[in-house]
Protein backbone atom coordinates (compact mmCIF):
# COMPACT_ATOMS: atom_id res chain seq x y z
CA MET A 1 104.91 140.18 146.38
CA LYS A 2 107.35 140.28 143.44
CA LYS A 3 106.26 139.19 139.75
CA ILE A 4 107.78 135.99 138.24
CA LEU A 5 111.06 137.14 137.03
CA TYR A 6 110.86 135.65 133.23
CA THR A 7 108.13 136.25 130.83
CA PHE A 8 108.52 134.36 127.55
CA ILE A 9 106.48 135.44 124.47
CA LEU A 10 106.36 132.41 122.21
CA ILE A 11 106.57 133.94 118.63
CA ALA A 12 108.35 131.27 117.08
CA ILE A 13 107.60 127.57 116.67
CA PHE A 14 110.24 124.91 117.60
CA SER A 15 111.08 121.90 115.73
CA ASN A 16 113.11 120.16 118.20
CA ALA A 17 112.32 116.43 118.61
CA ILE A 18 110.45 115.38 121.46
CA ALA A 19 109.67 112.34 123.36
CA GLN A 20 106.78 112.37 125.71
CA GLU A 21 105.69 110.08 128.19
CA GLY A 22 102.50 108.20 127.81
CA LEU A 23 101.19 105.43 125.88
CA GLY A 24 98.35 105.80 123.56
CA TYR A 25 95.74 103.26 122.39
CA TYR A 26 92.71 103.18 119.83
CA TYR A 27 90.53 100.69 118.08
CA ASP A 28 90.92 100.11 114.21
CA TYR A 29 88.31 99.99 111.66
CA TYR A 30 87.83 96.46 112.46
CA ASN A 31 87.65 97.01 116.24
CA HIS A 32 90.83 95.61 116.78
CA PHE A 33 92.61 96.95 119.83
CA TYR A 34 96.10 98.67 119.29
CA VAL A 35 98.60 100.27 121.62
CA PHE A 36 100.81 103.19 120.40
CA ASP A 37 104.34 102.69 121.99
CA ASN A 38 107.14 105.10 121.42
CA GLY A 39 106.33 105.26 117.58
CA LYS A 40 105.13 101.65 117.29
CA ASN A 41 101.77 100.36 116.66
CA ILE A 42 100.92 97.28 118.08
CA GLN A 43 97.80 95.04 117.95
CA LEU A 44 96.90 93.75 121.59
CA GLU A 45 93.64 92.19 121.04
CA SER A 46 91.33 91.38 118.09
CA GLU A 47 88.12 92.16 120.03
CA PRO A 48 87.33 95.21 122.09
CA VAL A 49 88.31 95.29 125.62
CA ASP A 50 86.91 96.90 128.85
CA SER A 51 88.26 98.89 131.93
CA ILE A 52 91.17 100.48 130.02
CA ARG A 53 93.87 102.04 132.40
CA ALA A 54 97.27 103.60 131.21
CA GLY A 55 100.36 105.16 132.79
CA ASN A 56 103.73 106.38 131.29
CA ASP A 57 104.79 102.49 130.33
CA TYR A 58 101.85 100.45 130.66
CA VAL A 59 98.38 99.97 129.29
CA ALA A 60 96.11 97.56 131.73
CA TYR A 61 92.66 96.18 130.41
CA VAL A 62 90.12 93.49 130.96
CA SER A 63 89.89 91.10 128.00
CA GLN A 64 86.54 89.67 126.22
CA SER A 65 87.22 86.48 128.07
CA GLY A 66 87.37 88.42 131.76
CA ASN A 67 91.05 88.27 132.36
CA LEU A 68 93.04 91.32 133.76
CA LYS A 69 95.92 91.70 131.26
CA VAL A 70 98.64 94.65 131.13
CA TYR A 71 100.78 95.57 127.98
CA TYR A 72 104.23 96.23 129.54
CA GLY A 73 107.66 96.32 127.22
CA GLY A 74 106.45 95.05 124.18
CA GLU A 75 104.25 92.06 125.80
CA VAL A 76 100.81 91.41 127.01
CA ILE A 77 100.81 89.93 130.47
CA THR A 78 97.69 87.94 131.82
CA ILE A 79 98.18 89.03 135.59
CA GLU A 80 94.59 88.04 136.90
CA GLU A 81 91.88 85.39 135.74
CA ALA A 82 89.28 87.60 136.84
CA VAL A 83 87.95 90.97 137.26
CA PRO A 84 89.28 93.26 139.97
CA ASN A 85 86.64 95.07 141.91
CA ALA A 86 88.70 98.32 142.21
CA MET A 87 91.43 99.75 140.13
CA ILE A 88 93.70 102.86 140.08
CA ALA A 89 95.99 103.92 137.46
CA THR A 90 98.93 106.25 138.22
CA ALA A 91 101.74 107.19 136.25
CA ASN A 92 104.06 104.30 137.37
CA ALA A 93 101.88 101.53 138.56
CA PHE A 94 98.80 100.01 138.32
CA VAL A 95 96.99 99.26 141.88
CA TYR A 96 93.80 97.13 142.24
CA LYS A 97 91.92 94.93 144.47
CA MET A 98 90.94 91.35 143.88
CA GLN A 99 88.31 90.97 146.71
CA GLN A 100 90.42 91.55 149.83
CA ARG A 101 93.84 91.51 148.33
CA LEU A 102 95.65 94.54 147.45
CA MET A 103 97.92 94.20 144.46
CA ILE A 104 100.37 96.37 142.46
CA PHE A 105 102.06 95.92 138.91
CA GLU A 106 104.92 98.14 138.41
CA HIS A 107 108.22 97.85 136.36
CA GLY A 108 106.80 94.59 134.78
CA GLU A 109 106.32 92.74 137.85
CA LYS A 110 103.24 92.19 139.96
CA SER A 111 103.31 91.74 143.71
CA GLN A 112 100.89 91.61 146.49
CA LEU A 113 100.85 94.50 149.05
CA SER A 114 98.23 93.16 151.57
CA SER A 115 96.09 90.09 151.88
CA TRP A 116 93.03 91.99 153.20
CA ALA A 117 93.03 95.74 152.74
CA GLN A 118 90.46 98.42 152.86
CA ASN A 119 90.40 102.17 152.40
CA TYR A 120 93.40 102.01 150.00
CA LEU A 121 94.48 105.19 148.19
CA ALA A 122 97.26 105.36 145.36
CA GLY A 123 99.43 108.18 144.00
CA ASP A 124 102.41 108.11 141.50
CA ASN A 125 104.89 106.78 144.05
CA ILE A 126 102.78 106.05 147.04
CA VAL A 127 100.37 103.30 148.16
CA THR A 128 98.26 103.53 151.29
CA TRP A 129 95.74 101.38 153.28
CA GLN A 130 94.50 99.97 156.27
CA GLU A 131 95.13 96.43 157.42
CA VAL A 132 91.95 94.73 158.15
CA ARG A 133 93.27 92.15 160.73
CA THR A 134 95.90 94.84 162.56
CA LEU A 135 94.33 97.87 161.81
CA ASN A 136 97.32 99.32 161.13
CA ILE A 137 97.75 102.12 158.49
CA LYS A 138 100.41 101.09 155.91
CA ALA A 139 102.40 102.69 153.23
CA TYR A 140 104.25 101.08 150.01
CA GLN A 141 106.55 103.54 148.67
CA ASN A 142 110.17 102.81 146.98
CA GLY A 143 109.67 99.26 146.87
CA GLU A 144 109.07 98.97 150.90
CA ILE A 145 105.80 98.77 153.03
CA LYS A 146 106.16 100.53 156.38
CA THR A 147 103.51 101.49 159.21
CA ILE A 148 102.33 105.14 159.35
CA GLU A 149 100.06 104.65 162.32
CA SER A 150 99.34 101.68 164.45
CA GLY A 151 95.87 101.09 164.58
CA PHE A 152 93.63 100.49 167.46
CA SER A 153 90.25 100.69 165.83
CA VAL A 154 88.56 101.14 162.27
CA LYS A 155 88.76 104.68 162.97
CA ALA A 156 92.56 105.01 163.01
CA ILE A 157 92.40 107.62 160.33
CA ASP A 158 89.67 110.32 160.29
CA THR A 159 90.11 111.96 157.34
CA SER A 160 92.92 111.44 154.29
CA LYS A 161 94.31 112.22 151.07
CA THR A 162 97.40 111.29 149.09
CA GLY A 163 99.38 113.41 146.43
CA LYS A 164 101.80 111.94 144.17
CA ASN A 165 104.44 111.08 146.77
CA ILE A 166 102.86 112.17 150.12
CA PHE A 167 99.88 110.99 152.53
CA ALA A 168 98.16 113.80 154.71
CA TYR A 169 95.63 112.53 157.34
CA SER A 170 93.84 113.30 160.50
CA ASP A 171 94.24 110.58 163.19
CA MET A 172 91.82 109.11 165.71
CA ASN A 173 92.32 112.20 167.71
CA HIS A 174 91.99 114.74 164.95
CA GLU A 175 95.79 115.61 164.60
CA PHE A 176 96.72 116.67 161.15
CA LYS A 177 99.87 114.73 160.27
CA ILE A 178 101.66 114.24 157.07
CA PHE A 179 103.73 111.20 155.92
CA PHE A 180 106.63 112.11 153.37
CA ASN A 181 110.01 110.41 152.91
CA ASP A 182 109.18 107.67 155.32
CA GLU A 183 108.87 110.34 158.21
CA VAL A 184 105.64 111.53 160.03
CA PHE A 185 105.42 115.23 160.20
CA ASP A 186 103.12 116.22 163.15
CA SER A 187 101.40 119.93 162.12
CA GLN A 188 100.63 120.61 165.74
CA LEU A 189 97.04 121.46 164.43
CA ASN A 190 93.67 119.86 165.09
CA ASN A 191 90.68 119.37 162.92
CA ILE A 192 91.80 120.37 159.62
CA ARG A 193 89.08 119.53 157.20
CA ASN A 194 89.87 121.34 154.07
CA PHE A 195 93.30 120.13 152.49
CA LYS A 196 94.88 118.92 149.20
CA CYS A 197 97.85 117.20 148.37
CA GLY A 198 100.08 117.36 145.26
CA PHE A 199 103.94 116.37 144.69
CA SER A 200 105.67 117.12 148.03
CA THR A 201 103.04 119.67 148.82
CA VAL A 202 100.29 119.76 151.22
CA ALA A 203 97.96 122.87 151.47
CA TYR A 204 95.46 123.37 154.17
CA LEU A 205 93.28 126.08 155.91
CA ASP A 206 93.92 126.63 159.47
CA ARG A 207 90.47 128.25 160.20
CA PHE A 208 91.53 128.26 164.25
CA ASN A 209 94.45 130.80 163.17
CA ASN A 210 92.75 132.20 160.02
CA ALA A 211 95.88 130.96 158.08
CA PHE A 212 96.39 129.46 154.94
CA ASP A 213 99.23 127.01 155.39
CA VAL A 214 101.52 124.74 153.52
CA PHE A 215 103.99 121.76 154.20
CA TYR A 216 106.28 121.86 151.26
CA ASP A 217 108.96 119.33 151.03
CA GLY A 218 109.46 118.56 154.56
CA THR A 219 108.76 122.23 156.16
CA PHE A 220 105.48 123.92 157.59
CA SER A 221 105.00 127.44 156.35
CA VAL A 222 102.31 129.91 156.24
CA ILE A 223 101.24 131.27 152.63
CA SER A 224 99.00 133.75 153.94
CA ASP A 225 97.60 135.04 157.66
CA ARG A 226 94.20 135.33 155.60
CA LEU A 227 92.40 132.55 154.03
CA PRO A 228 92.15 132.18 150.20
CA LYS A 229 88.91 132.57 148.20
CA SER A 230 89.97 129.22 146.45
CA TYR A 231 92.83 127.05 146.05
CA THR A 232 94.42 124.24 144.04
CA VAL A 233 97.56 122.07 144.71
CA ALA A 234 99.87 120.33 141.92
CA ASP A 235 103.34 119.60 141.81
CA ASN A 236 105.43 121.74 144.04
CA MET A 237 103.00 124.54 143.79
CA VAL A 238 99.87 125.99 145.38
CA VAL A 239 97.65 128.23 143.21
CA TYR A 240 95.02 130.30 144.68
CA THR A 241 92.71 133.54 144.66
CA ASP A 242 93.29 135.82 147.84
CA VAL A 243 91.04 137.66 149.45
CA ASN A 244 91.70 140.72 147.21
CA ASP A 245 91.18 138.70 144.21
CA ASN A 246 94.83 138.42 143.14
CA PHE A 247 95.51 135.23 141.30
CA MET A 248 98.67 133.84 143.09
CA MET A 249 100.90 130.87 142.74
CA TYR A 250 103.31 129.40 145.82
CA TYR A 251 106.09 127.67 144.19
CA ALA A 252 109.13 125.99 145.55
CA GLY A 253 108.90 127.68 148.57
CA LYS A 254 107.92 131.42 147.50
CA SER A 255 104.65 133.33 146.74
CA VAL A 256 104.26 135.37 143.48
CA THR A 257 101.47 137.27 141.92
CA LEU A 258 100.35 135.81 138.59
CA GLU A 259 97.75 138.66 137.92
CA THR A 260 96.09 141.31 139.79
CA PHE A 261 92.75 139.83 138.84
CA VAL A 262 90.77 136.70 138.63
CA PRO A 263 91.17 135.24 135.22
CA SER A 264 88.03 134.20 133.47
CA TYR A 265 89.40 130.65 132.68
CA ARG A 266 92.09 129.00 134.62
CA LYS A 267 93.13 125.28 135.01
CA VAL A 268 95.76 123.39 136.80
CA LYS A 269 97.11 120.05 136.52
CA GLU A 270 100.41 118.49 137.83
CA ASN A 271 103.29 120.79 136.67
CA ILE A 272 101.36 123.15 134.75
CA ILE A 273 98.83 126.16 134.66
CA VAL A 274 96.88 127.49 131.99
CA TYR A 275 94.75 130.46 132.42
CA TYR A 276 92.87 132.99 129.97
CA ALA A 277 93.39 136.69 130.40
CA GLU A 278 91.54 137.87 127.23
CA PRO A 279 92.69 137.83 124.48
CA GLU A 280 95.88 136.22 126.17
CA LEU A 281 96.35 132.65 126.52
CA LYS A 282 99.11 132.09 129.28
CA ILE A 283 100.71 129.01 130.47
CA VAL A 284 103.00 128.63 133.57
CA TYR A 285 105.48 125.66 133.29
CA GLY A 286 108.61 125.35 135.57
CA GLY A 287 107.60 128.76 137.64
CA GLN A 288 107.86 130.88 134.26
CA ILE A 289 105.07 132.37 132.55
CA PHE A 290 104.53 131.68 128.67
CA ASN A 291 102.26 133.99 126.68
CA VAL A 292 101.51 131.44 124.32
CA ASP A 293 98.68 132.71 122.02
CA LYS A 294 95.92 135.34 121.33
CA LEU A 295 92.55 133.59 121.19
CA SER A 296 89.04 135.45 120.23
CA ALA A 297 86.93 133.57 122.68
CA GLN A 298 87.43 131.58 125.85
CA PRO A 299 89.30 128.38 125.14
CA GLY A 300 88.89 124.80 126.11
CA ILE A 301 92.14 123.05 126.92
CA ILE A 302 93.25 119.72 127.72
CA LEU A 303 96.04 119.36 130.34
CA GLY A 304 98.62 116.63 130.70
CA PRO A 305 101.39 116.53 133.45
CA ASN A 306 103.68 118.79 131.30
CA SER A 307 101.57 119.53 128.30
CA ALA A 308 98.25 121.70 126.88
CA LEU A 309 96.45 120.97 123.94
CA TYR A 310 93.84 123.47 122.60
CA LEU A 311 92.36 124.89 119.12
CA ASP A 312 93.49 128.33 118.37
CA SER A 313 91.30 131.01 116.76
CA ASN A 314 91.25 129.15 113.34
CA ASN A 315 90.32 125.71 114.85
CA ARG A 316 93.83 124.34 114.32
CA PRO A 317 95.42 122.26 117.04
CA LYS A 318 98.27 123.67 119.10
CA TYR A 319 100.24 121.63 121.45
CA PHE A 320 102.53 123.26 124.21
CA TYR A 321 105.11 120.94 125.80
CA LYS A 322 107.61 121.80 128.28
CA GLY A 323 107.88 125.43 127.54
CA LYS A 324 107.68 125.00 123.62
CA VAL A 325 104.69 125.09 121.24
CA TYR A 326 104.35 123.10 118.20
CA GLU A 327 101.58 123.75 115.26
CA ASN A 328 101.02 122.88 111.75
CA PHE A 329 101.43 119.12 112.21
CA LEU A 330 97.87 118.71 111.49
CA THR A 331 95.77 120.48 108.91
CA GLU A 332 92.54 118.66 108.50
CA PRO A 333 89.59 119.63 110.91
CA VAL A 334 89.59 117.86 114.16
CA ARG A 335 86.67 115.90 115.24
CA GLU A 336 87.93 114.84 118.72
CA MET A 337 91.55 115.06 120.64
CA TYR A 338 92.92 114.06 123.89
CA LEU A 339 96.12 113.52 125.82
CA TYR A 340 97.31 110.18 127.09
CA ARG A 341 99.57 111.74 129.69
CA ASP A 342 101.84 113.88 127.47
CA LEU A 343 100.88 112.09 124.16
CA PRO A 344 98.34 113.71 121.69
CA PHE A 345 95.97 111.83 120.16
CA PHE A 346 93.52 113.02 117.53
CA LYS A 347 90.36 111.84 115.35
CA TYR A 348 89.77 113.67 112.08
CA GLY A 349 88.88 112.94 108.59
CA ASN A 350 86.22 109.72 107.88
CA ASN A 351 88.02 107.61 109.99
CA SER A 352 91.66 108.62 110.63
CA VAL A 353 93.14 108.55 114.15
CA GLY A 354 96.82 109.92 114.80
CA PHE A 355 99.30 110.31 117.38
CA TYR A 356 101.69 113.43 117.58
CA TYR A 357 105.00 112.01 118.62
CA GLU A 358 108.83 113.41 118.57
CA GLY A 359 107.72 116.00 116.33
CA LYS A 360 105.41 114.00 113.64
CA MET A 361 102.24 112.66 113.01
CA TYR A 362 101.74 109.02 113.06
CA GLU A 363 98.45 108.18 111.20
CA TYR A 364 96.20 104.98 111.19
CA GLU A 365 92.83 103.91 110.13
CA GLY A 366 90.44 104.27 112.97
CA SER A 367 87.24 102.49 113.99
CA LYS A 368 84.14 103.79 112.11
CA TYR A 369 82.10 104.83 115.33
């Protein structure tokens, strides 16, 4: 297998402006609830809230009065006057259940997907569920509801998982199928129990044929004729350790060797792979390896869809975003740090909080707790 063609060593810090996806939120010194939206600091509530969920362009929460509210496009909208019994926040939509009703809030609008649903799953661009009355398996995608499988019993589907835009399942006859781009693809295999989903990608273990298989962008392929020791599925890629302890990546239809050994630390999320091959911290993004840093100890790394946040050997925060590294934006010791999607958030000093957005820090007075 061929090594990835391009390896970039980041020895300079880029100063280009960046505009990350994601909304941040925090409590100020008086426990007022704020949202950080594209450089703007907006107070939403004067009291603490509960059950906060956030995506690329919204923040949903339950207010002190028990109302379900969503901040979107500069406004706060009350979408329910009761607390939902289940919630899933995806990048593009907020999906929740009110008793039997399955609801979605996207692009500033609330709509009902089903009056009586069970066993629902949600990815960034897909929602699936079983209708209680008809027992049909349904999918909502691209603004439309479609039937995946006609149901004859509550076991119309044996096992199932969603990725961002894909749904993999075993039907009532244990036949393994994939719903993708409004079409059901039949793998012609039975009793597939070990499978994982990402964006346009499903990887699974075919134990009958002793094969490691993948469904990628509408096509079934065999990654390896030997089962891997471990694997993870993300966006358009599968990361795995083969039987010879090679650290591998299947990306955009091809397998490549990242390392000929298993790194001591490795983490995968959406579009990004991070691993530590002492002392090198390496990041794979867009199919390319970036030698990001040299660290004296195994790192603790926070990942976003396109980003990584970590402390270097001098305990200074560094931020990798879409192939570039940013540093020296915060010199005070950091007490806590997070990523809201790709948006870095820090707690430091006595009560200071800050967001790193478009290449600069936005600092506010945070809660004393």
